[in-house]
Amino acid sequence: MKTLADLAPGQVGTIAAIAGTDALTLRLMELGILEGEQVRVVGKAPLGDPIEIALRGSKLSLRRVEAARVKLDLPDSSP
């Protein structure tokens, strides 16, 4: 299963799960990163950290380690 950190700029996915049960997981959920939400990677810094995402009409920047905890379902690319 791909994570948010694996996507290239412009790619879209639907959040399937957030790994972990700690304060970081809770904070990601407070920011609106919830199961079933569609997320798009807007861009990445030159070294890949941080990652800018678009979610529910807002843009957020996440560190790569934070984005790696967000598991995604990708749209089916078959015709």
PDB file of N, CA and C in Angstrom:
ATOM      1  N   MET A   1       0.852  -1.181   0.000  1.00  0.00           N
ATOM      2  CA  MET A   1       0.000   0.000   0.000  1.00  0.00           C
ATOM      3  C   MET A   1       0.893   1.239   0.000  1.00  0.00           C
ATOM      4  N   LYS A   2       0.568   2.175  -0.872  1.00  0.00           N
ATOM      5  CA  LYS A   2       1.353   3.410  -0.977  1.00  0.00           C
ATOM      6  C   LYS A   2       1.029   4.338   0.189  1.00  0.00           C
ATOM      7  N   THR A   3       1.993   5.210   0.462  1.00  0.00           N
ATOM      8  CA  THR A   3       1.788   6.233   1.485  1.00  0.00           C
ATOM      9  C   THR A   3       1.818   7.605   0.827  1.00  0.00           C
ATOM     10  N   LEU A   4       1.425   8.596   1.571  1.00  0.00           N
ATOM     11  CA  LEU A   4       1.429   9.966   1.074  1.00  0.00           C
ATOM     12  C   LEU A   4       2.844  10.400   0.688  1.00  0.00           C
ATOM     13  N   ALA A   5       3.842   9.900   1.370  1.00  0.00           N
ATOM     14  CA  ALA A   5       5.238  10.249   1.072  1.00  0.00           C
ATOM     15  C   ALA A   5       5.700   9.670  -0.264  1.00  0.00           C
ATOM     16  N   ASP A   6       5.015   8.643  -0.772  1.00  0.00           N
ATOM     17  CA  ASP A   6       5.406   7.988  -2.024  1.00  0.00           C
ATOM     18  C   ASP A   6       4.886   8.704  -3.269  1.00  0.00           C
ATOM     19  N   LEU A   7       3.885   9.563  -3.114  1.00  0.00           N
ATOM     20  CA  LEU A   7       3.270  10.198  -4.275  1.00  0.00           C
ATOM     21  C   LEU A   7       4.136  11.309  -4.846  1.00  0.00           C
ATOM     22  N   ALA A   8       4.041  11.479  -6.139  1.00  0.00           N
ATOM     23  CA  ALA A   8       4.726  12.570  -6.839  1.00  0.00           C
ATOM     24  C   ALA A   8       3.781  13.769  -6.896  1.00  0.00           C
ATOM     25  N   PRO A   9       4.311  14.961  -7.077  1.00  0.00           N
ATOM     26  CA  PRO A   9       3.439  16.131  -7.213  1.00  0.00           C
ATOM     27  C   PRO A   9       2.403  15.939  -8.319  1.00  0.00           C
ATOM     28  N   GLY A  10       1.159  16.273  -7.987  1.00  0.00           N
ATOM     29  CA  GLY A  10       0.047  16.120  -8.920  1.00  0.00           C
ATOM     30  C   GLY A  10      -0.751  14.850  -8.726  1.00  0.00           C
ATOM     31  N   GLN A  11      -0.184  13.859  -8.054  1.00  0.00           N
ATOM     32  CA  GLN A  11      -0.900  12.604  -7.839  1.00  0.00           C
ATOM     33  C   GLN A  11      -1.953  12.764  -6.747  1.00  0.00           C
ATOM     34  N   VAL A  12      -3.016  11.976  -6.878  1.00  0.00           N
ATOM     35  CA  VAL A  12      -4.152  12.030  -5.962  1.00  0.00           C
ATOM     36  C   VAL A  12      -4.379  10.647  -5.369  1.00  0.00           C
ATOM     37  N   GLY A  13      -4.829  10.613  -4.122  1.00  0.00           N
ATOM     38  CA  GLY A  13      -5.183   9.362  -3.469  1.00  0.00           C
ATOM     39  C   GLY A  13      -6.249   9.599  -2.430  1.00  0.00           C
ATOM     40  N   THR A  14      -6.854   8.511  -1.970  1.00  0.00           N
ATOM     41  CA  THR A  14      -7.851   8.570  -0.911  1.00  0.00           C
ATOM     42  C   THR A  14      -7.244   7.961   0.337  1.00  0.00           C
ATOM     43  N   ILE A  15      -7.365   8.649   1.455  1.00  0.00           N
ATOM     44  CA  ILE A  15      -6.764   8.183   2.704  1.00  0.00           C
ATOM     45  C   ILE A  15      -7.469   6.917   3.169  1.00  0.00           C
ATOM     46  N   ALA A  16      -6.690   5.850   3.359  1.00  0.00           N
ATOM     47  CA  ALA A  16      -7.222   4.563   3.804  1.00  0.00           C
ATOM     48  C   ALA A  16      -7.012   4.367   5.300  1.00  0.00           C
ATOM     49  N   ALA A  17      -5.890   4.845   5.834  1.00  0.00           N
ATOM     50  CA  ALA A  17      -5.586   4.659   7.252  1.00  0.00           C
ATOM     51  C   ALA A  17      -4.429   5.558   7.647  1.00  0.00           C
ATOM     52  N   ILE A  18      -4.325   5.786   8.952  1.00  0.00           N
ATOM     53  CA  ILE A  18      -3.183   6.502   9.516  1.00  0.00           C
ATOM     54  C   ILE A  18      -2.532   5.550  10.502  1.00  0.00           C
ATOM     55  N   ALA A  19      -1.271   5.245  10.284  1.00  0.00           N
ATOM     56  CA  ALA A  19      -0.559   4.296  11.135  1.00  0.00           C
ATOM     57  C   ALA A  19      -0.220   4.932  12.477  1.00  0.00           C
ATOM     58  N   GLY A  20      -0.349   4.147  13.541  1.00  0.00           N
ATOM     59  CA  GLY A  20       0.035   4.595  14.868  1.00  0.00           C
ATOM     60  C   GLY A  20      -1.152   4.969  15.739  1.00  0.00           C
ATOM     61  N   THR A  21      -0.853   5.117  17.031  1.00  0.00           N
ATOM     62  CA  THR A  21      -1.886   5.487  18.001  1.00  0.00           C
ATOM     63  C   THR A  21      -1.357   6.547  18.967  1.00  0.00           C
ATOM     64  N   ASP A  22      -0.372   7.308  18.526  1.00  0.00           N
ATOM     65  CA  ASP A  22       0.254   8.284  19.415  1.00  0.00           C
ATOM     66  C   ASP A  22      -0.279   9.697  19.162  1.00  0.00           C
ATOM     67  N   ALA A  23       0.359  10.676  19.754  1.00  0.00           N
ATOM     68  CA  ALA A  23      -0.061  12.073  19.635  1.00  0.00           C
ATOM     69  C   ALA A  23       0.051  12.575  18.200  1.00  0.00           C
ATOM     70  N   LEU A  24       1.020  12.098  17.446  1.00  0.00           N
ATOM     71  CA  LEU A  24       1.167  12.527  16.059  1.00  0.00           C
ATOM     72  C   LEU A  24      -0.038  12.078  15.233  1.00  0.00           C
ATOM     73  N   THR A  25      -0.500  10.863  15.440  1.00  0.00           N
ATOM     74  CA  THR A  25      -1.676  10.375  14.737  1.00  0.00           C
ATOM     75  C   THR A  25      -2.885  11.246  15.049  1.00  0.00           C
ATOM     76  N   LEU A  26      -3.069  11.582  16.306  1.00  0.00           N
ATOM     77  CA  LEU A  26      -4.169  12.443  16.720  1.00  0.00           C
ATOM     78  C   LEU A  26      -4.048  13.819  16.071  1.00  0.00           C
ATOM     79  N   ARG A  27      -2.848  14.370  16.015  1.00  0.00           N
ATOM     80  CA  ARG A  27      -2.626  15.693  15.420  1.00  0.00           C
ATOM     81  C   ARG A  27      -2.932  15.675  13.922  1.00  0.00           C
ATOM     82  N   LEU A  28      -2.536  14.620  13.220  1.00  0.00           N
ATOM     83  CA  LEU A  28      -2.846  14.507  11.805  1.00  0.00           C
ATOM     84  C   LEU A  28      -4.359  14.482  11.589  1.00  0.00           C
ATOM     85  N   MET A  29      -5.073  13.782  12.449  1.00  0.00           N
ATOM     86  CA  MET A  29      -6.523  13.729  12.344  1.00  0.00           C
ATOM     87  C   MET A  29      -7.146  15.095  12.655  1.00  0.00           C
ATOM     88  N   GLU A  30      -6.590  15.814  13.599  1.00  0.00           N
ATOM     89  CA  GLU A  30      -7.081  17.160  13.914  1.00  0.00           C
ATOM     90  C   GLU A  30      -6.890  18.112  12.737  1.00  0.00           C
ATOM     91  N   LEU A  31      -5.869  17.880  11.928  1.00  0.00           N
ATOM     92  CA  LEU A  31      -5.609  18.708  10.748  1.00  0.00           C
ATOM     93  C   LEU A  31      -6.543  18.370   9.586  1.00  0.00           C
ATOM     94  N   GLY A  32      -7.368  17.344   9.754  1.00  0.00           N
ATOM     95  CA  GLY A  32      -8.316  16.968   8.707  1.00  0.00           C
ATOM     96  C   GLY A  32      -7.892  15.787   7.870  1.00  0.00           C
ATOM     97  N   ILE A  33      -6.813  15.147   8.248  1.00  0.00           N
ATOM     98  CA  ILE A  33      -6.344  13.970   7.522  1.00  0.00           C
ATOM     99  C   ILE A  33      -7.097  12.772   8.096  1.00  0.00           C
ATOM    100  N   LEU A  34      -8.234  12.474   7.448  1.00  0.00           N
ATOM    101  CA  LEU A  34      -9.148  11.450   7.933  1.00  0.00           C
ATOM    102  C   LEU A  34      -9.400  10.412   6.851  1.00  0.00           C
ATOM    103  N   GLU A  35      -9.732   9.198   7.272  1.00  0.00           N
ATOM    104  CA  GLU A  35     -10.031   8.130   6.322  1.00  0.00           C
ATOM    105  C   GLU A  35     -11.159   8.556   5.399  1.00  0.00           C
ATOM    106  N   GLY A  36     -11.002   8.252   4.117  1.00  0.00           N
ATOM    107  CA  GLY A  36     -12.018   8.563   3.127  1.00  0.00           C
ATOM    108  C   GLY A  36     -11.837   9.908   2.440  1.00  0.00           C
ATOM    109  N   GLU A  37     -10.968  10.759   2.968  1.00  0.00           N
ATOM    110  CA  GLU A  37     -10.727  12.076   2.354  1.00  0.00           C
ATOM    111  C   GLU A  37      -9.775  11.932   1.172  1.00  0.00           C
ATOM    112  N   GLN A  38     -10.031  12.714   0.139  1.00  0.00           N
ATOM    113  CA  GLN A  38      -9.137  12.724  -1.019  1.00  0.00           C
ATOM    114  C   GLN A  38      -8.037  13.754  -0.784  1.00  0.00           C
ATOM    115  N   VAL A  39      -6.815  13.393  -1.129  1.00  0.00           N
ATOM    116  CA  VAL A  39      -5.660  14.256  -0.916  1.00  0.00           C
ATOM    117  C   VAL A  39      -4.831  14.307  -2.192  1.00  0.00           C
ATOM    118  N   ARG A  40      -4.256  15.469  -2.465  1.00  0.00           N
ATOM    119  CA  ARG A  40      -3.413  15.657  -3.656  1.00  0.00           C
ATOM    120  C   ARG A  40      -2.081  16.252  -3.224  1.00  0.00           C
ATOM    121  N   VAL A  41      -1.000  15.730  -3.768  1.00  0.00           N
ATOM    122  CA  VAL A  41       0.325  16.289  -3.487  1.00  0.00           C
ATOM    123  C   VAL A  41       0.517  17.483  -4.412  1.00  0.00           C
ATOM    124  N   VAL A  42       0.730  18.658  -3.816  1.00  0.00           N
ATOM    125  CA  VAL A  42       0.933  19.887  -4.581  1.00  0.00           C
ATOM    126  C   VAL A  42       2.392  20.008  -4.998  1.00  0.00           C
ATOM    127  N   GLY A  43       3.295  19.731  -4.081  1.00  0.00           N
ATOM    128  CA  GLY A  43       4.716  19.840  -4.390  1.00  0.00           C
ATOM    129  C   GLY A  43       5.572  19.302  -3.274  1.00  0.00           C
ATOM    130  N   LYS A  44       6.847  19.173  -3.593  1.00  0.00           N
ATOM    131  CA  LYS A  44       7.825  18.713  -2.605  1.00  0.00           C
ATOM    132  C   LYS A  44       9.023  19.649  -2.656  1.00  0.00           C
ATOM    133  N   ALA A  45       9.662  19.835  -1.538  1.00  0.00           N
ATOM    134  CA  ALA A  45      10.897  20.607  -1.485  1.00  0.00           C
ATOM    135  C   ALA A  45      11.976  19.850  -2.262  1.00  0.00           C
ATOM    136  N   PRO A  46      13.048  20.527  -2.656  1.00  0.00           N
ATOM    137  CA  PRO A  46      14.079  19.870  -3.475  1.00  0.00           C
ATOM    138  C   PRO A  46      14.621  18.554  -2.910  1.00  0.00           C
ATOM    139  N   LEU A  47      14.739  18.438  -1.618  1.00  0.00           N
ATOM    140  CA  LEU A  47      15.231  17.189  -1.036  1.00  0.00           C
ATOM    141  C   LEU A  47      14.103  16.282  -0.575  1.00  0.00           C
ATOM    142  N   GLY A  48      12.853  16.616  -0.943  1.00  0.00           N
ATOM    143  CA  GLY A  48      11.711  15.764  -0.631  1.00  0.00           C
ATOM    144  C   GLY A  48      11.079  16.015   0.727  1.00  0.00           C
ATOM    145  N   ASP A  49      11.510  17.017   1.444  1.00  0.00           N
ATOM    146  CA  ASP A  49      10.981  17.272   2.787  1.00  0.00           C
ATOM    147  C   ASP A  49      10.969  18.776   3.028  1.00  0.00           C
ATOM    148  N   PRO A  50       9.868  19.424   3.245  1.00  0.00           N
ATOM    149  CA  PRO A  50       8.519  18.900   3.474  1.00  0.00           C
ATOM    150  C   PRO A  50       7.742  18.661   2.174  1.00  0.00           C
ATOM    151  N   ILE A  51       6.533  18.109   2.355  1.00  0.00           N
ATOM    152  CA  ILE A  51       5.623  17.814   1.265  1.00  0.00           C
ATOM    153  C   ILE A  51       4.391  18.700   1.444  1.00  0.00           C
ATOM    154  N   GLU A  52       3.989  19.391   0.379  1.00  0.00           N
ATOM    155  CA  GLU A  52       2.786  20.223   0.440  1.00  0.00           C
ATOM    156  C   GLU A  52       1.627  19.433  -0.155  1.00  0.00           C
ATOM    157  N   ILE A  53       0.510  19.390   0.594  1.00  0.00           N
ATOM    158  CA  ILE A  53      -0.667  18.650   0.138  1.00  0.00           C
ATOM    159  C   ILE A  53      -1.885  19.566   0.117  1.00  0.00           C
ATOM    160  N   ALA A  54      -2.852  19.208  -0.704  1.00  0.00           N
ATOM    161  CA  ALA A  54      -4.139  19.896  -0.743  1.00  0.00           C
ATOM    162  C   ALA A  54      -5.191  18.917  -0.230  1.00  0.00           C
ATOM    163  N   LEU A  55      -5.999  19.392   0.711  1.00  0.00           N
ATOM    164  CA  LEU A  55      -6.971  18.529   1.368  1.00  0.00           C
ATOM    165  C   LEU A  55      -8.152  19.371   1.815  1.00  0.00           C
ATOM    166  N   ARG A  56      -9.353  19.021   1.360  1.00  0.00           N
ATOM    167  CA  ARG A  56     -10.573  19.699   1.788  1.00  0.00           C
ATOM    168  C   ARG A  56     -10.513  21.222   1.621  1.00  0.00           C
ATOM    169  N   GLY A  57      -9.919  21.683   0.523  1.00  0.00           N
ATOM    170  CA  GLY A  57      -9.845  23.110   0.254  1.00  0.00           C
ATOM    171  C   GLY A  57      -8.727  23.838   0.972  1.00  0.00           C
ATOM    172  N   SER A  58      -7.890  23.129   1.690  1.00  0.00           N
ATOM    173  CA  SER A  58      -6.757  23.730   2.401  1.00  0.00           C
ATOM    174  C   SER A  58      -5.455  23.121   1.905  1.00  0.00           C
ATOM    175  N   LYS A  59      -4.380  23.826   2.161  1.00  0.00           N
ATOM    176  CA  LYS A  59      -3.051  23.289   1.855  1.00  0.00           C
ATOM    177  C   LYS A  59      -2.288  23.145   3.161  1.00  0.00           C
ATOM    178  N   LEU A  60      -1.588  22.021   3.288  1.00  0.00           N
ATOM    179  CA  LEU A  60      -0.792  21.719   4.472  1.00  0.00           C
ATOM    180  C   LEU A  60       0.601  21.294   4.041  1.00  0.00           C
ATOM    181  N   SER A  61       1.564  21.513   4.906  1.00  0.00           N
ATOM    182  CA  SER A  61       2.916  20.994   4.695  1.00  0.00           C
ATOM    183  C   SER A  61       3.203  19.980   5.779  1.00  0.00           C
ATOM    184  N   LEU A  62       3.656  18.810   5.365  1.00  0.00           N
ATOM    185  CA  LEU A  62       3.978  17.734   6.295  1.00  0.00           C
ATOM    186  C   LEU A  62       5.422  17.309   6.094  1.00  0.00           C
ATOM    187  N   ARG A  63       6.050  16.893   7.179  1.00  0.00           N
ATOM    188  CA  ARG A  63       7.369  16.283   7.057  1.00  0.00           C
ATOM    189  C   ARG A  63       7.209  14.914   6.411  1.00  0.00           C
ATOM    190  N   ARG A  64       8.254  14.455   5.798  1.00  0.00           N
ATOM    191  CA  ARG A  64       8.215  13.158   5.115  1.00  0.00           C
ATOM    192  C   ARG A  64       7.848  12.025   6.077  1.00  0.00           C
ATOM    193  N   VAL A  65       8.373  12.038   7.286  1.00  0.00           N
ATOM    194  CA  VAL A  65       8.060  10.967   8.249  1.00  0.00           C
ATOM    195  C   VAL A  65       6.591  11.001   8.651  1.00  0.00           C
ATOM    196  N   GLU A  66       5.994  12.193   8.679  1.00  0.00           N
ATOM    197  CA  GLU A  66       4.569  12.300   8.990  1.00  0.00           C
ATOM    198  C   GLU A  66       3.739  11.769   7.820  1.00  0.00           C
ATOM    199  N   ALA A  67       4.112  12.164   6.606  1.00  0.00           N
ATOM    200  CA  ALA A  67       3.390  11.728   5.414  1.00  0.00           C
ATOM    201  C   ALA A  67       3.494  10.211   5.212  1.00  0.00           C
ATOM    202  N   ALA A  68       4.576   9.622   5.654  1.00  0.00           N
ATOM    203  CA  ALA A  68       4.770   8.176   5.496  1.00  0.00           C
ATOM    204  C   ALA A  68       3.796   7.373   6.358  1.00  0.00           C
ATOM    205  N   ARG A  69       3.169   7.998   7.330  1.00  0.00           N
ATOM    206  CA  ARG A  69       2.204   7.303   8.193  1.00  0.00           C
ATOM    207  C   ARG A  69       0.808   7.266   7.592  1.00  0.00           C
ATOM    208  N   VAL A  70       0.591   8.036   6.529  1.00  0.00           N
ATOM    209  CA  VAL A  70      -0.732   8.120   5.915  1.00  0.00           C
ATOM    210  C   VAL A  70      -0.805   7.138   4.746  1.00  0.00           C
ATOM    211  N   LYS A  71      -1.566   6.066   4.910  1.00  0.00           N
ATOM    212  CA  LYS A  71      -1.730   5.030   3.888  1.00  0.00           C
ATOM    213  C   LYS A  71      -2.839   5.444   2.931  1.00  0.00           C
ATOM    214  N   LEU A  72      -2.629   5.186   1.632  1.00  0.00           N
ATOM    215  CA  LEU A  72      -3.556   5.649   0.611  1.00  0.00           C
ATOM    216  C   LEU A  72      -4.080   4.528  -0.271  1.00  0.00           C
ATOM    217  N   ASP A  73      -5.293   4.741  -0.769  1.00  0.00           N
ATOM    218  CA  ASP A  73      -5.832   3.957  -1.876  1.00  0.00           C
ATOM    219  C   ASP A  73      -5.694   4.859  -3.091  1.00  0.00           C
ATOM    220  N   LEU A  74      -5.064   4.367  -4.129  1.00  0.00           N
ATOM    221  CA  LEU A  74      -4.872   5.157  -5.349  1.00  0.00           C
ATOM    222  C   LEU A  74      -5.977   4.848  -6.323  1.00  0.00           C
ATOM    223  N   PRO A  75      -6.378   5.835  -7.146  1.00  0.00           N
ATOM    224  CA  PRO A  75      -7.413   5.561  -8.161  1.00  0.00           C
ATOM    225  C   PRO A  75      -6.923   4.533  -9.158  1.00  0.00           C
ATOM    226  N   ASP A  76      -7.850   3.748  -9.647  1.00  0.00           N
ATOM    227  CA  ASP A  76      -7.517   2.734 -10.644  1.00  0.00           C
ATOM    228  C   ASP A  76      -7.160   3.413 -11.953  1.00  0.00           C
ATOM    229  N   SER A  77      -5.975   3.163 -12.453  1.00  0.00           N
ATOM    230  CA  SER A  77      -5.504   3.837 -13.667  1.00  0.00           C
ATOM    231  C   SER A  77      -5.799   3.031 -14.934  1.00  0.00           C
ATOM    232  N   SER A  78      -6.512   1.883 -14.801  1.00  0.00           N
ATOM    233  CA  SER A  78      -6.802   1.115 -16.005  1.00  0.00           C
ATOM    234  C   SER A  78      -7.960   1.734 -16.778  1.00  0.00           C
ATOM    235  N   PRO A  79      -7.925   1.601 -18.110  1.00  0.00           N
ATOM    236  CA  PRO A  79      -8.959   2.229 -18.958  1.00  0.00           C
ATOM    237  C   PRO A  79     -10.304   1.590 -18.837  1.00  0.00           C
TER     238      PRO A  79
END
